[in-house]
């Protein structure tokens, strides 16, 4: 009987340590992370995505931080500073014109991946662009990753990067 007691005791100690590790992991999460994306942040992202389909530089002109960085797949591939969003929208419009895309539309999918605190948010926004090229259906799916920060009481984009689905 005593032979079987020692392994059972070791197993109990091991199981207790596992539950302690799980509890410690839960405590490592930031205390101010919440389960629902802040509506003000969602509004900024929705505005930017919509503007990329309508080429509205006015809509994005005050949504980027002074040291913002935007990266996308059309040249020159990155834009910096407070006008990064304006320059990016202009490059999207140029690409649509150069490729002769008609009926260009953008669809922001459901945002499921995000982390946030009171002052900073990271999120992944799945997006689908569609249109017609030479009369044939065009479709590009991918995602933008965004980092937004509170700057003088307003949510501004610190970084924005596009990754096409075939690049994931």
Protein backbone atom coordinates (compact mmCIF):
# COMPACT_ATOMS: atom_id res chain seq x y z
CA UNK A 1 0.00 0.00 0.00
CA UNK A 2 2.81 2.42 0.89
CA UNK A 3 4.37 1.90 -2.57
CA UNK A 4 1.31 3.33 -4.26
CA UNK A 5 0.94 6.27 -1.90
CA UNK A 6 4.15 8.05 -2.95
CA UNK A 7 3.30 8.24 -6.70
CA UNK A 8 -0.23 9.40 -5.83
CA UNK A 9 1.17 12.10 -3.55
CA UNK A 10 3.59 13.25 -6.30
CA UNK A 11 0.73 13.40 -8.80
CA UNK A 12 -1.33 15.56 -6.42
CA UNK A 13 1.57 17.97 -5.91
CA UNK A 14 2.13 18.16 -9.69
CA UNK A 15 -1.58 18.87 -10.38
CA UNK A 16 -1.62 21.58 -7.70
CA UNK A 17 1.36 23.29 -9.30
CA UNK A 18 -0.36 23.27 -12.71
CA UNK A 19 -3.42 25.06 -11.34
CA UNK A 20 -1.09 27.62 -9.74
CA UNK A 21 0.63 28.22 -13.09
CA UNK A 22 -2.75 28.74 -14.80
CA UNK A 23 -3.79 31.23 -12.12
CA UNK A 24 -0.49 33.10 -12.51
CA UNK A 25 -0.97 33.29 -16.29
CA UNK A 26 -4.41 34.85 -15.83
CA UNK A 27 -2.95 37.46 -13.49
CA UNK A 28 -0.35 38.47 -16.12
CA UNK A 29 -3.01 39.96 -18.41
CA UNK A 30 -3.26 43.77 -18.21
CA UNK A 31 -5.90 44.70 -15.69
CA UNK A 32 -7.45 47.34 -17.95
CA UNK A 33 -7.90 45.09 -21.02
CA UNK A 34 -11.60 44.85 -21.76
CA UNK A 35 -13.62 42.45 -23.90
CA UNK A 36 -15.24 45.02 -26.23
CA UNK A 37 -13.38 47.26 -28.66
CA UNK A 38 -13.71 50.93 -27.75
CA UNK A 39 -16.36 52.58 -30.02
CA UNK A 40 -14.12 55.62 -30.68
CA UNK A 41 -11.37 53.32 -31.95
CA UNK A 42 -13.80 51.37 -34.12
CA UNK A 43 -15.01 54.66 -35.62
CA UNK A 44 -11.47 55.71 -36.58
CA UNK A 45 -10.78 52.35 -38.24
CA UNK A 46 -14.13 52.33 -40.07
CA UNK A 47 -13.49 55.87 -41.34
CA UNK A 48 -10.04 54.96 -42.67
CA UNK A 49 -11.22 51.76 -44.38
CA UNK A 50 -14.22 53.50 -45.95
CA UNK A 51 -11.99 56.38 -47.13
CA UNK A 52 -9.71 53.89 -48.87
CA UNK A 53 -12.67 52.92 -51.07
CA UNK A 54 -13.93 56.46 -51.70
CA UNK A 55 -10.51 58.16 -51.81
CA UNK A 56 -11.63 60.73 -49.25
CA UNK A 57 -8.43 62.38 -48.03
CA UNK A 58 -10.50 64.86 -46.00
CA UNK A 59 -11.89 62.00 -43.90
CA UNK A 60 -8.42 60.84 -42.82
CA UNK A 61 -6.53 64.13 -42.69
CA UNK A 62 -6.60 64.37 -38.88
CA UNK A 63 -6.58 60.68 -37.89
CA UNK A 64 -2.82 60.00 -37.90
CA UNK A 65 -0.26 60.74 -35.19
CA UNK A 66 2.65 63.10 -35.97
CA UNK A 67 5.01 60.09 -36.08
CA UNK A 68 2.62 57.67 -37.85
CA UNK A 69 3.84 54.96 -40.21
CA UNK A 70 1.65 53.40 -42.92
CA UNK A 71 2.79 50.40 -44.99
CA UNK A 72 1.03 48.94 -48.03
CA UNK A 73 1.82 46.96 -51.17
CA UNK A 74 1.88 49.81 -53.68
CA UNK A 75 4.92 52.07 -54.16
CA UNK A 76 6.48 53.74 -52.34
CA UNK A 77 5.29 51.09 -49.82
CA UNK A 78 5.45 53.32 -46.73
CA UNK A 79 4.45 56.80 -45.67
CA UNK A 80 5.43 58.64 -42.50
CA UNK A 81 4.12 61.47 -40.39
CA UNK A 82 0.80 63.16 -39.83
CA UNK A 83 -0.01 63.13 -43.57
CA UNK A 84 0.79 59.41 -43.97
CA UNK A 85 -2.91 58.57 -44.27
CA UNK A 86 -3.52 61.25 -46.91
CA UNK A 87 -0.53 60.06 -48.93
CA UNK A 88 -1.66 56.44 -48.63
CA UNK A 89 -5.21 57.25 -49.80
CA UNK A 90 -3.71 59.09 -52.78
CA UNK A 91 -1.61 56.01 -53.62
CA UNK A 92 -4.67 53.73 -53.41
CA UNK A 93 -6.53 56.05 -55.78
CA UNK A 94 -3.56 56.06 -58.17
CA UNK A 95 -3.36 52.24 -58.12
CA UNK A 96 -7.07 51.93 -58.87
CA UNK A 97 -6.68 54.37 -61.76
CA UNK A 98 -3.50 52.71 -63.10
CA UNK A 99 -5.07 49.23 -63.02
CA UNK A 100 -8.33 50.64 -64.46
CA UNK A 101 -10.43 49.12 -61.68
CA UNK A 102 -14.14 49.94 -61.98
CA UNK A 103 -16.83 49.65 -59.29
CA UNK A 104 -14.11 49.65 -56.62
CA UNK A 105 -15.56 48.75 -53.22
CA UNK A 106 -14.22 47.99 -49.78
CA UNK A 107 -15.77 45.83 -47.09
CA UNK A 108 -14.52 45.89 -43.51
CA UNK A 109 -15.11 42.46 -41.98
CA UNK A 110 -15.71 41.76 -38.29
CA UNK A 111 -12.78 42.76 -36.07
CA UNK A 112 -12.07 39.78 -33.82
CA UNK A 113 -8.43 40.33 -32.87
CA UNK A 114 -7.56 43.27 -30.64
CA UNK A 115 -5.86 44.20 -27.40
CA UNK A 116 -6.38 47.48 -25.64
CA UNK A 117 -5.64 49.53 -22.60
CA UNK A 118 -6.90 52.99 -21.75
CA UNK A 119 -4.19 54.65 -23.90
CA UNK A 120 -3.27 52.20 -26.67
CA UNK A 121 -5.02 49.69 -28.92
CA UNK A 122 -3.68 47.03 -31.28
CA UNK A 123 -6.14 45.45 -33.68
CA UNK A 124 -6.38 43.44 -36.88
CA UNK A 125 -9.07 44.54 -39.34
CA UNK A 126 -9.93 41.98 -42.06
CA UNK A 127 -10.81 43.75 -45.31
CA UNK A 128 -11.96 42.77 -48.78
CA UNK A 129 -11.51 45.00 -51.84
CA UNK A 130 -13.54 44.20 -54.97
CA UNK A 131 -14.15 45.67 -58.40
CA UNK A 132 -13.90 45.02 -62.10
CA UNK A 133 -10.70 44.91 -64.15
CA UNK A 134 -11.27 44.68 -67.91
CA UNK A 135 -14.82 43.54 -67.18
CA UNK A 136 -13.70 40.69 -64.91
CA UNK A 137 -14.24 40.40 -61.19
CA UNK A 138 -11.32 41.61 -59.05
CA UNK A 139 -11.00 40.65 -55.40
CA UNK A 140 -8.28 41.14 -52.82
CA UNK A 141 -8.63 39.97 -49.26
CA UNK A 142 -6.27 40.72 -46.43
CA UNK A 143 -6.00 42.59 -43.17
CA UNK A 144 -4.73 45.85 -41.78
CA UNK A 145 -3.00 45.81 -38.44
CA UNK A 146 -3.42 49.08 -36.58
CA UNK A 147 -1.89 50.58 -33.46
CA UNK A 148 -3.80 53.58 -32.13
CA UNK A 149 -2.83 55.84 -29.23
CA UNK A 150 -4.52 58.57 -27.30
CA UNK A 151 -2.87 61.87 -28.25
CA UNK A 152 -4.22 65.00 -26.55
CA UNK A 153 -7.48 63.20 -25.77
CA UNK A 154 -8.03 61.86 -29.30
CA UNK A 155 -7.45 58.40 -30.76
CA UNK A 156 -4.86 58.62 -33.55
CA UNK A 157 -3.26 55.97 -35.73
CA UNK A 158 0.36 55.31 -34.81
CA UNK A 159 0.87 52.53 -37.34
CA UNK A 160 -1.09 50.80 -40.08
CA UNK A 161 0.14 47.88 -42.19
CA UNK A 162 -1.58 45.85 -44.92
CA UNK A 163 -1.02 42.13 -45.39
CA UNK A 164 -2.77 40.44 -48.32
CA UNK A 165 -4.39 37.07 -47.60
CA UNK A 166 -1.90 35.28 -49.86
CA UNK A 167 0.87 36.73 -47.68
CA UNK A 168 -0.51 35.22 -44.47
